[in-house]
N, C-alpha and C. Protein backbone atom coordinates (compact mmCIF):
# COMPACT_ATOMS: atom_id res chain seq x y z
N UNK A 1 -15.90 -14.14 70.39
CA UNK A 1 -14.95 -14.41 69.35
C UNK A 1 -14.16 -13.12 69.10
N UNK A 2 -12.85 -13.27 68.95
CA UNK A 2 -12.03 -12.08 68.77
C UNK A 2 -12.09 -11.62 67.31
N UNK A 3 -11.75 -10.37 67.10
CA UNK A 3 -11.83 -9.77 65.77
C UNK A 3 -10.85 -10.40 64.78
N UNK A 4 -9.57 -10.66 65.15
CA UNK A 4 -8.66 -11.29 64.18
C UNK A 4 -9.12 -12.69 63.77
N UNK A 5 -9.67 -13.44 64.71
CA UNK A 5 -10.16 -14.77 64.39
C UNK A 5 -11.34 -14.70 63.43
N UNK A 6 -12.21 -13.73 63.65
CA UNK A 6 -13.36 -13.54 62.76
C UNK A 6 -12.89 -13.13 61.36
N UNK A 7 -11.87 -12.27 61.30
CA UNK A 7 -11.34 -11.84 60.01
C UNK A 7 -10.71 -13.00 59.25
N UNK A 8 -9.97 -13.87 59.97
CA UNK A 8 -9.36 -15.03 59.32
C UNK A 8 -10.42 -15.98 58.80
N UNK A 9 -11.45 -16.19 59.57
CA UNK A 9 -12.53 -17.09 59.16
C UNK A 9 -13.23 -16.53 57.92
N UNK A 10 -13.46 -15.24 57.91
CA UNK A 10 -14.11 -14.61 56.77
C UNK A 10 -13.23 -14.70 55.53
N UNK A 11 -11.92 -14.48 55.69
CA UNK A 11 -11.00 -14.56 54.56
C UNK A 11 -10.94 -15.99 54.03
N UNK A 12 -10.93 -16.97 54.93
CA UNK A 12 -10.89 -18.37 54.53
C UNK A 12 -12.15 -18.73 53.74
N UNK A 13 -13.29 -18.24 54.17
CA UNK A 13 -14.54 -18.53 53.47
C UNK A 13 -14.55 -17.86 52.09
N UNK A 14 -14.00 -16.66 52.00
CA UNK A 14 -13.95 -15.97 50.71
C UNK A 14 -13.07 -16.72 49.73
N UNK A 15 -11.94 -17.25 50.21
CA UNK A 15 -11.05 -18.02 49.34
C UNK A 15 -11.74 -19.30 48.88
N UNK A 16 -12.43 -19.95 49.78
CA UNK A 16 -13.14 -21.18 49.44
C UNK A 16 -14.23 -20.90 48.41
N UNK A 17 -14.95 -19.81 48.58
CA UNK A 17 -15.99 -19.45 47.61
C UNK A 17 -15.38 -19.12 46.25
N UNK A 18 -14.25 -18.42 46.24
CA UNK A 18 -13.61 -18.06 44.98
C UNK A 18 -13.11 -19.31 44.26
N UNK A 19 -12.60 -20.27 44.99
CA UNK A 19 -12.13 -21.50 44.37
C UNK A 19 -13.29 -22.34 43.85
N UNK A 20 -14.39 -22.33 44.53
CA UNK A 20 -15.51 -23.16 44.12
C UNK A 20 -16.14 -22.67 42.82
N UNK A 21 -15.97 -21.40 42.48
CA UNK A 21 -16.52 -20.90 41.22
C UNK A 21 -15.83 -21.53 40.02
N UNK A 22 -14.58 -21.90 40.16
CA UNK A 22 -13.83 -22.47 39.05
C UNK A 22 -14.07 -23.96 38.88
N UNK A 23 -14.74 -24.57 39.81
CA UNK A 23 -14.97 -26.01 39.72
C UNK A 23 -16.37 -26.34 39.23
N UNK A 24 -17.06 -25.37 38.66
CA UNK A 24 -18.40 -25.65 38.14
C UNK A 24 -18.28 -26.41 36.82
N UNK A 25 -19.34 -27.02 36.42
CA UNK A 25 -19.35 -27.79 35.17
C UNK A 25 -19.24 -26.84 33.98
N UNK A 26 -18.55 -27.26 32.93
CA UNK A 26 -18.44 -26.39 31.75
C UNK A 26 -19.80 -26.17 31.09
N UNK A 27 -19.94 -25.02 30.46
CA UNK A 27 -21.21 -24.70 29.82
C UNK A 27 -21.40 -25.46 28.52
N UNK A 28 -20.30 -25.76 27.84
CA UNK A 28 -20.39 -26.49 26.58
C UNK A 28 -19.94 -27.93 26.79
N UNK A 29 -20.68 -28.82 26.22
CA UNK A 29 -20.33 -30.22 26.34
C UNK A 29 -19.32 -30.56 25.25
N UNK A 30 -18.33 -31.34 25.58
CA UNK A 30 -17.30 -31.71 24.62
C UNK A 30 -17.84 -32.62 23.53
N UNK A 31 -18.96 -33.28 23.79
CA UNK A 31 -19.50 -34.22 22.83
C UNK A 31 -20.54 -33.59 21.91
N UNK A 32 -20.83 -32.33 22.10
CA UNK A 32 -21.83 -31.68 21.26
C UNK A 32 -21.23 -31.37 19.89
N UNK A 33 -22.03 -31.47 18.87
CA UNK A 33 -21.57 -31.18 17.51
C UNK A 33 -21.67 -29.67 17.28
N UNK A 34 -20.58 -29.07 16.83
CA UNK A 34 -20.56 -27.63 16.61
C UNK A 34 -19.92 -27.34 15.27
N UNK A 35 -20.64 -26.62 14.42
CA UNK A 35 -20.10 -26.23 13.12
C UNK A 35 -19.65 -24.78 13.18
N UNK A 36 -18.36 -24.51 12.98
CA UNK A 36 -17.89 -23.13 13.03
C UNK A 36 -18.20 -22.34 11.76
N UNK A 37 -18.53 -23.04 10.68
CA UNK A 37 -18.81 -22.37 9.41
C UNK A 37 -20.32 -22.28 9.20
N UNK A 38 -20.77 -21.24 8.50
CA UNK A 38 -22.21 -21.10 8.26
C UNK A 38 -22.72 -21.97 7.11
N UNK A 39 -21.89 -22.85 6.58
CA UNK A 39 -22.29 -23.72 5.50
C UNK A 39 -21.62 -25.08 5.70
N UNK A 40 -22.12 -26.07 5.01
CA UNK A 40 -21.53 -27.40 5.10
C UNK A 40 -20.23 -27.43 4.30
N UNK A 41 -19.18 -27.94 4.90
CA UNK A 41 -17.90 -28.02 4.20
C UNK A 41 -18.03 -29.01 3.05
N UNK A 42 -17.41 -28.70 1.91
CA UNK A 42 -17.63 -29.55 0.74
C UNK A 42 -17.07 -30.96 0.93
N UNK A 43 -17.81 -31.90 0.43
CA UNK A 43 -17.36 -33.29 0.43
C UNK A 43 -16.70 -33.58 -0.91
N UNK A 44 -16.29 -34.80 -1.11
CA UNK A 44 -15.63 -35.16 -2.37
C UNK A 44 -16.58 -35.03 -3.56
N UNK A 45 -17.87 -35.23 -3.32
CA UNK A 45 -18.83 -35.19 -4.42
C UNK A 45 -19.06 -33.77 -4.93
N UNK A 46 -19.13 -32.78 -4.05
CA UNK A 46 -19.48 -31.43 -4.49
C UNK A 46 -18.34 -30.43 -4.32
N UNK A 47 -17.12 -30.90 -4.34
CA UNK A 47 -15.98 -30.01 -4.16
C UNK A 47 -15.79 -29.08 -5.36
N UNK A 48 -16.05 -29.56 -6.56
CA UNK A 48 -15.91 -28.73 -7.75
C UNK A 48 -16.94 -27.61 -7.79
N UNK A 49 -18.17 -27.93 -7.44
CA UNK A 49 -19.22 -26.91 -7.43
C UNK A 49 -18.95 -25.87 -6.35
N UNK A 50 -18.46 -26.32 -5.21
CA UNK A 50 -18.11 -25.38 -4.14
C UNK A 50 -16.99 -24.44 -4.61
N UNK A 51 -15.98 -24.98 -5.29
CA UNK A 51 -14.89 -24.16 -5.80
C UNK A 51 -15.38 -23.14 -6.82
N UNK A 52 -16.29 -23.56 -7.68
CA UNK A 52 -16.85 -22.64 -8.68
C UNK A 52 -17.63 -21.51 -8.02
N UNK A 53 -18.48 -21.86 -7.05
CA UNK A 53 -19.26 -20.83 -6.34
C UNK A 53 -18.34 -19.88 -5.59
N UNK A 54 -17.30 -20.42 -4.96
CA UNK A 54 -16.36 -19.58 -4.22
C UNK A 54 -15.61 -18.64 -5.16
N UNK A 55 -15.18 -19.14 -6.31
CA UNK A 55 -14.46 -18.31 -7.27
C UNK A 55 -15.36 -17.19 -7.80
N UNK A 56 -16.61 -17.50 -8.12
CA UNK A 56 -17.54 -16.47 -8.60
C UNK A 56 -17.79 -15.43 -7.52
N UNK A 57 -18.01 -15.88 -6.29
CA UNK A 57 -18.27 -14.97 -5.18
C UNK A 57 -17.09 -14.02 -4.97
N UNK A 58 -15.87 -14.56 -4.94
CA UNK A 58 -14.70 -13.72 -4.70
C UNK A 58 -14.40 -12.80 -5.88
N UNK A 59 -14.57 -13.29 -7.10
CA UNK A 59 -14.28 -12.44 -8.26
C UNK A 59 -15.29 -11.31 -8.41
N UNK A 60 -16.56 -11.57 -8.11
CA UNK A 60 -17.56 -10.50 -8.17
C UNK A 60 -17.27 -9.45 -7.10
N UNK A 61 -16.96 -9.89 -5.90
CA UNK A 61 -16.64 -8.95 -4.82
C UNK A 61 -15.40 -8.12 -5.11
N UNK A 62 -14.40 -8.74 -5.75
CA UNK A 62 -13.17 -8.02 -6.06
C UNK A 62 -13.37 -7.04 -7.21
N UNK A 63 -14.26 -7.36 -8.14
CA UNK A 63 -14.43 -6.52 -9.33
C UNK A 63 -15.35 -5.33 -9.11
N UNK A 64 -16.14 -5.31 -8.07
CA UNK A 64 -17.09 -4.21 -7.84
C UNK A 64 -16.41 -2.84 -7.80
N UNK A 65 -15.31 -2.63 -7.07
CA UNK A 65 -14.68 -1.30 -7.07
C UNK A 65 -14.17 -0.88 -8.45
N UNK A 66 -13.66 -1.84 -9.23
CA UNK A 66 -13.16 -1.50 -10.56
C UNK A 66 -14.30 -1.14 -11.51
N UNK A 67 -15.40 -1.83 -11.40
CA UNK A 67 -16.58 -1.51 -12.22
C UNK A 67 -17.13 -0.14 -11.83
N UNK A 68 -17.16 0.15 -10.54
CA UNK A 68 -17.64 1.46 -10.08
C UNK A 68 -16.72 2.58 -10.57
N UNK A 69 -15.41 2.37 -10.52
CA UNK A 69 -14.47 3.39 -11.00
C UNK A 69 -14.61 3.58 -12.51
N UNK A 70 -14.75 2.49 -13.25
CA UNK A 70 -14.93 2.59 -14.70
C UNK A 70 -16.22 3.34 -15.04
N UNK A 71 -17.29 3.07 -14.29
CA UNK A 71 -18.56 3.74 -14.52
C UNK A 71 -18.45 5.24 -14.25
N UNK A 72 -17.77 5.61 -13.18
CA UNK A 72 -17.60 7.04 -12.86
C UNK A 72 -16.75 7.74 -13.92
N UNK A 73 -15.71 7.06 -14.40
CA UNK A 73 -14.86 7.65 -15.45
C UNK A 73 -15.66 7.81 -16.75
N UNK A 74 -16.49 6.83 -17.06
CA UNK A 74 -17.29 6.89 -18.28
C UNK A 74 -18.30 8.02 -18.22
N UNK A 75 -18.93 8.22 -17.03
CA UNK A 75 -19.92 9.29 -16.88
C UNK A 75 -19.28 10.66 -16.99
N UNK A 76 -18.05 10.80 -16.52
CA UNK A 76 -17.41 12.12 -16.56
C UNK A 76 -16.78 12.41 -17.92
N UNK A 77 -16.69 11.43 -18.78
CA UNK A 77 -16.12 11.64 -20.10
C UNK A 77 -14.63 11.41 -20.15
N UNK A 78 -14.00 11.02 -19.05
CA UNK A 78 -12.56 10.80 -19.02
C UNK A 78 -12.20 9.40 -19.49
N UNK A 79 -13.15 8.50 -19.46
CA UNK A 79 -12.87 7.12 -19.85
C UNK A 79 -12.88 6.95 -21.36
N UNK A 80 -12.29 5.87 -21.83
CA UNK A 80 -12.20 5.63 -23.27
C UNK A 80 -13.50 5.12 -23.83
């Protein structure tokens, strides 16, 4: 067998192998149930409670830096 023929055969096999990698079955099934959120999304029955919990969570998180600044000002005597 000549060298160019061997090289062409090898190249053809490499292309075939590269193409076959893309035809494998997907790892995730389209019919599987997947929740992107770490909690159950609120239904009509508990939407108000979810809103209340969310508001408390966000307001506490937002107020922490202001409470810390007020505490530092109070300790130094600069606060009212």
